Protein backbone atom coordinates (compact mmCIF):
# COMPACT_ATOMS: atom_id res chain seq x y z
CA MET A 1 -27.85 -45.61 22.04
CA ALA A 2 -24.16 -44.80 21.54
CA ARG A 3 -23.37 -48.31 20.25
CA GLN A 4 -26.43 -48.20 17.97
CA ASN A 5 -25.31 -44.88 16.49
CA PHE A 6 -21.74 -46.10 16.02
CA CYS A 7 -22.77 -49.29 14.24
CA LEU A 8 -25.38 -47.64 12.05
CA GLU A 9 -22.98 -44.84 11.25
CA SER A 10 -20.50 -47.22 9.63
CA ILE A 11 -23.28 -48.80 7.57
CA LEU A 12 -24.99 -45.55 6.58
CA ASN A 13 -21.65 -44.14 5.41
CA LYS A 14 -21.90 -46.58 2.51
CA PHE A 15 -25.09 -44.74 1.50
CA SER A 16 -23.41 -41.31 1.98
CA LEU A 17 -25.69 -40.83 4.99
CA ALA A 18 -25.22 -40.34 8.74
CA VAL A 19 -27.24 -40.68 11.94
CA LYS A 20 -28.64 -37.34 13.06
CA THR A 21 -27.57 -36.77 16.66
CA SER A 22 -28.93 -33.26 17.28
CA PHE A 23 -32.66 -32.54 17.36
CA ASP A 24 -34.93 -29.52 17.81
CA PHE A 25 -37.74 -31.67 19.25
CA GLU A 26 -40.49 -29.64 17.66
CA SER A 27 -43.00 -32.47 18.16
CA ILE A 28 -43.40 -35.92 19.63
CA GLU A 29 -42.65 -37.30 16.16
CA ASP A 30 -38.99 -36.36 16.70
CA LEU A 31 -38.76 -38.95 19.49
CA LYS A 32 -40.29 -41.92 17.70
CA PHE A 33 -37.44 -43.26 15.60
CA ILE A 34 -33.92 -42.69 14.46
CA GLN A 35 -33.37 -39.79 12.09
CA ILE A 36 -30.74 -39.51 9.39
CA GLN A 37 -29.11 -36.79 7.38
CA SER A 38 -26.86 -36.41 4.38
CA LYS A 39 -23.14 -36.08 4.95
CA GLY A 40 -23.64 -32.38 4.29
CA GLY A 41 -26.02 -32.14 7.24
CA THR A 42 -29.38 -31.98 5.43
CA GLU A 43 -32.06 -33.89 7.33
CA ILE A 44 -33.77 -36.59 5.28
CA PRO A 45 -37.35 -37.36 6.39
CA TYR A 46 -38.57 -40.94 6.46
CA SER A 47 -40.68 -40.31 3.36
CA GLY A 48 -37.44 -39.48 1.53
CA TRP A 49 -35.56 -42.64 2.50
CA SER A 50 -34.72 -45.03 -0.31
CA THR A 51 -36.06 -48.59 -0.13
CA GLY A 52 -32.54 -49.88 0.53
CA THR A 53 -32.01 -47.40 3.38
CA LYS A 54 -35.32 -48.39 4.98
CA GLN A 55 -34.56 -52.07 4.67
CA VAL A 56 -31.12 -51.74 6.29
CA ILE A 57 -32.18 -49.46 9.15
CA LEU A 58 -35.42 -51.30 9.95
CA THR A 59 -33.69 -54.70 10.04
CA MET A 60 -30.51 -53.55 11.76
CA THR A 61 -32.02 -51.43 14.55
CA PRO A 62 -33.63 -54.37 16.42
CA LEU A 63 -30.25 -56.13 16.44
CA PHE A 64 -28.75 -53.22 18.37
CA LYS A 65 -31.66 -52.73 20.78
CA LEU A 66 -32.48 -56.37 21.66
CA ASN A 67 -30.45 -59.08 23.34
CA THR A 68 -29.54 -61.31 20.40
CA ASP A 69 -27.22 -63.70 22.25
CA GLU A 70 -27.98 -67.30 21.24
CA SER A 71 -30.85 -66.08 19.06
CA ILE A 72 -31.93 -67.38 15.66
CA ILE A 73 -32.48 -64.53 13.20
CA LEU A 74 -34.15 -64.92 9.82
CA VAL A 75 -33.43 -62.33 7.13
CA ASP A 76 -35.32 -62.45 3.84
CA GLU A 77 -33.49 -61.09 0.79
CA PRO A 78 -30.87 -58.91 2.50
CA GLU A 79 -29.84 -57.71 -0.99
CA ARG A 80 -33.18 -55.98 -1.59
CA SER A 81 -32.68 -52.58 -3.25
CA LEU A 82 -28.97 -52.48 -2.37
CA TYR A 83 -26.14 -51.61 -4.74
CA PRO A 84 -23.87 -54.56 -5.53
CA ASP A 85 -20.90 -53.08 -3.65
CA ILE A 86 -23.01 -52.86 -0.48
CA GLN A 87 -24.31 -56.39 -1.01
CA THR A 88 -20.74 -57.69 -0.81
CA GLU A 89 -20.45 -56.33 2.75
CA ILE A 90 -23.97 -56.52 4.17
CA ILE A 91 -23.64 -60.05 5.60
CA ASN A 92 -20.62 -59.01 7.66
CA ASP A 93 -22.62 -55.99 8.86
CA TYR A 94 -25.41 -58.23 10.15
CA LYS A 95 -22.96 -60.57 11.84
CA SER A 96 -21.17 -57.64 13.48
CA ALA A 97 -24.46 -56.29 14.82
CA ALA A 98 -25.34 -59.63 16.46
CA PRO A 99 -22.10 -61.65 16.78
CA LYS A 100 -23.57 -64.34 19.04
CA ALA A 101 -26.68 -64.99 16.98
CA GLN A 102 -27.36 -67.66 14.36
CA PHE A 103 -28.44 -66.11 11.05
CA PHE A 104 -30.42 -67.67 8.23
CA PHE A 105 -30.52 -65.65 5.00
CA ALA A 106 -32.88 -66.31 2.09
CA THR A 107 -31.38 -64.83 -1.05
CA HIS A 108 -31.33 -64.83 -4.85
CA SER A 109 -28.13 -62.80 -5.03
CA PRO A 110 -24.85 -64.36 -6.22
CA LEU A 111 -23.01 -61.66 -4.24
CA ILE A 112 -24.70 -62.75 -1.04
CA ALA A 113 -24.12 -66.44 -1.83
CA SER A 114 -20.40 -65.78 -2.32
CA ALA A 115 -20.15 -64.65 1.31
CA PHE A 116 -20.66 -68.18 2.62
CA GLU A 117 -18.77 -71.43 2.72
CA PRO A 118 -20.44 -74.17 0.64
CA TRP A 119 -21.55 -76.21 3.67
CA GLU A 120 -23.41 -73.14 4.95
CA ILE A 121 -25.58 -73.00 1.83
CA VAL A 122 -28.83 -74.90 1.40
CA GLU A 123 -30.12 -74.54 -2.14
CA LEU A 124 -33.78 -75.47 -2.57
CA LYS A 125 -35.27 -76.34 -5.97
CA PHE A 126 -38.45 -77.75 -7.46
CA ASN A 127 -38.36 -81.13 -9.16
CA GLU A 128 -40.61 -82.12 -12.07
CA GLN A 129 -43.39 -83.07 -9.66
CA GLY A 130 -43.26 -79.64 -8.01
CA THR A 131 -41.76 -80.97 -4.81
CA VAL A 132 -39.02 -79.00 -3.08
CA TYR A 133 -35.67 -80.73 -2.71
CA GLN A 134 -32.13 -79.72 -1.74
CA GLU A 135 -29.50 -79.56 -4.46
CA LYS A 136 -26.33 -81.22 -3.19
CA TYR A 137 -22.88 -79.95 -4.08
CA TYR A 138 -20.92 -82.73 -2.47
CA LYS A 139 -20.22 -86.36 -3.27
CA GLY A 140 -20.53 -89.16 -0.77
CA GLU A 141 -20.94 -88.11 2.83
CA ARG A 142 -21.55 -84.50 3.75
CA HIS A 143 -18.04 -83.44 4.66
CA VAL A 144 -16.17 -80.17 4.16
CA ASP A 145 -13.66 -81.84 1.85
CA ASN A 146 -16.33 -83.41 -0.38
CA TYR A 147 -17.83 -80.21 -1.81
CA PHE A 148 -17.08 -79.65 -5.47
CA ILE A 149 -18.58 -76.14 -5.69
CA ASP A 150 -17.43 -73.29 -3.47
CA PRO A 151 -19.14 -69.93 -4.26
CA ARG A 152 -16.27 -68.04 -2.62
CA TYR A 153 -14.00 -69.12 -5.48
CA LEU A 154 -16.41 -68.31 -8.32
CA ARG A 155 -17.20 -65.21 -10.31
CA TRP A 156 -20.68 -63.91 -9.63
CA ASP A 157 -21.87 -64.67 -13.15
CA VAL A 158 -20.67 -68.26 -12.71
CA ILE A 159 -22.58 -68.50 -9.42
CA LEU A 160 -25.72 -67.44 -11.28
CA MET A 161 -25.22 -70.27 -13.75
CA ARG A 162 -23.86 -73.04 -11.49
CA VAL A 163 -25.79 -72.38 -8.28
CA PHE A 164 -28.90 -70.48 -9.39
CA ASP A 165 -29.16 -72.41 -12.68
CA LEU A 166 -29.40 -69.41 -14.97
CA GLY A 167 -29.35 -70.96 -18.42
CA ILE A 168 -27.80 -68.08 -20.36
CA GLU A 169 -24.96 -65.62 -19.77
CA GLY A 170 -26.82 -62.56 -20.96
CA ASN A 171 -28.97 -61.33 -23.83
CA GLU A 172 -27.75 -64.03 -26.20
CA LYS A 173 -29.42 -62.62 -29.30
CA PHE A 174 -27.58 -59.29 -29.11
CA ARG A 175 -24.37 -60.73 -27.66
CA ASN A 176 -24.02 -63.41 -30.34
CA ARG A 177 -24.68 -60.84 -33.06
CA ALA A 178 -21.99 -58.57 -31.61
CA LEU A 179 -19.51 -61.44 -31.20
CA THR A 180 -20.02 -62.48 -34.83
CA LYS A 181 -19.42 -58.94 -36.04
CA ALA A 182 -16.33 -58.60 -33.83
CA ALA A 183 -14.94 -61.88 -35.17
CA ARG A 184 -15.37 -60.70 -38.75
CA LEU A 185 -13.65 -57.40 -37.99
CA GLU A 186 -10.77 -59.22 -36.27
CA THR A 187 -10.25 -61.42 -39.33
CA VAL A 188 -10.13 -58.46 -41.73
CA LEU A 189 -7.94 -56.38 -39.40
CA SER A 190 -5.47 -59.25 -39.02
CA LYS A 191 -5.18 -59.46 -42.79
CA LEU A 192 -4.67 -55.70 -43.10
CA ARG A 193 -1.92 -55.79 -40.44
CA ALA A 194 -0.17 -58.59 -42.29
CA GLU A 195 -0.27 -56.50 -45.46
CA ASN A 196 0.86 -53.31 -43.62
CA GLN A 197 -2.32 -51.50 -44.64
CA MET A 198 -3.47 -50.27 -41.23
CA ASP A 199 -2.81 -46.64 -42.19
CA THR A 200 -5.61 -46.56 -44.75
CA PHE A 201 -8.89 -44.75 -44.06
CA GLU A 202 -10.84 -48.00 -44.38
CA ALA A 203 -8.59 -49.81 -41.89
CA GLN A 204 -8.78 -46.98 -39.34
CA LYS A 205 -12.56 -46.90 -39.62
CA MET A 206 -12.76 -50.66 -39.11
CA TRP A 207 -10.41 -50.39 -36.13
CA ALA A 208 -12.61 -47.67 -34.60
CA ASP A 209 -15.70 -49.85 -35.13
CA TYR A 210 -13.90 -52.78 -33.51
CA LEU A 211 -12.89 -50.71 -30.45
CA LYS A 212 -16.43 -49.40 -30.05
CA LEU A 213 -17.83 -52.93 -30.22
CA ALA A 214 -15.19 -54.28 -27.84
CA THR A 215 -16.10 -51.55 -25.33
CA LYS A 216 -19.78 -52.55 -25.48
CA LEU A 217 -18.74 -56.18 -24.92
CA ALA A 218 -16.68 -55.07 -21.90
CA TRP A 219 -13.48 -56.56 -23.33
CA ARG A 220 -10.10 -55.60 -21.92
CA LEU A 221 -7.85 -54.31 -24.70
CA ASP A 222 -5.00 -52.94 -22.58
CA GLY A 223 -1.80 -52.97 -24.57
CA TYR A 224 -3.55 -54.01 -27.79
CA GLU A 225 -2.25 -51.79 -30.55
CA GLU A 226 -3.72 -51.46 -34.03
CA ASP A 227 -0.31 -51.71 -35.62
């Protein structure tokens, strides 16, 4: 039980939760399953657990209680209901809980995919006839040096497009409209700078509109001055 508490404690800390180790034992229900509390000490009943908390505890607990040596463990969608920052660490958490087991993860998450070497990934797709086939990311023989895609080196949005075949980068209609507007503003602002007219009311308003649009587009403008 001590090892189970220790391992779960490190995982639950990511949810700002902790294993409850003191009980009043008011009923037999108190003995049935692990109980958790907030970091402030407030007990959280099972009915109040988030879906992500349930999924982590219910899949992790058997790994602590059972002998998993030389076992094969299947985990379906480990990313389910988890924040992205937790997704980046959850695979290591599973491996730490059962270090001598062989895991197979089924996932649609680029964050989860980026946790594996390319030869550990089997991507299954449907062809035009509706038959499942494996997409290959290597040329010639299957060898570690022959892979031309390695998710560990890619941004997560690129993984979505290269591995999961997402055809667009976002809401193209709104993004393209914003990019067009930003390009027009940049052109006018460049002309105003060249003419030393950035101090005018019109120029300052255009600069404010450009900054607001750039923020919505998540552009980095560090060190970019209007003059």
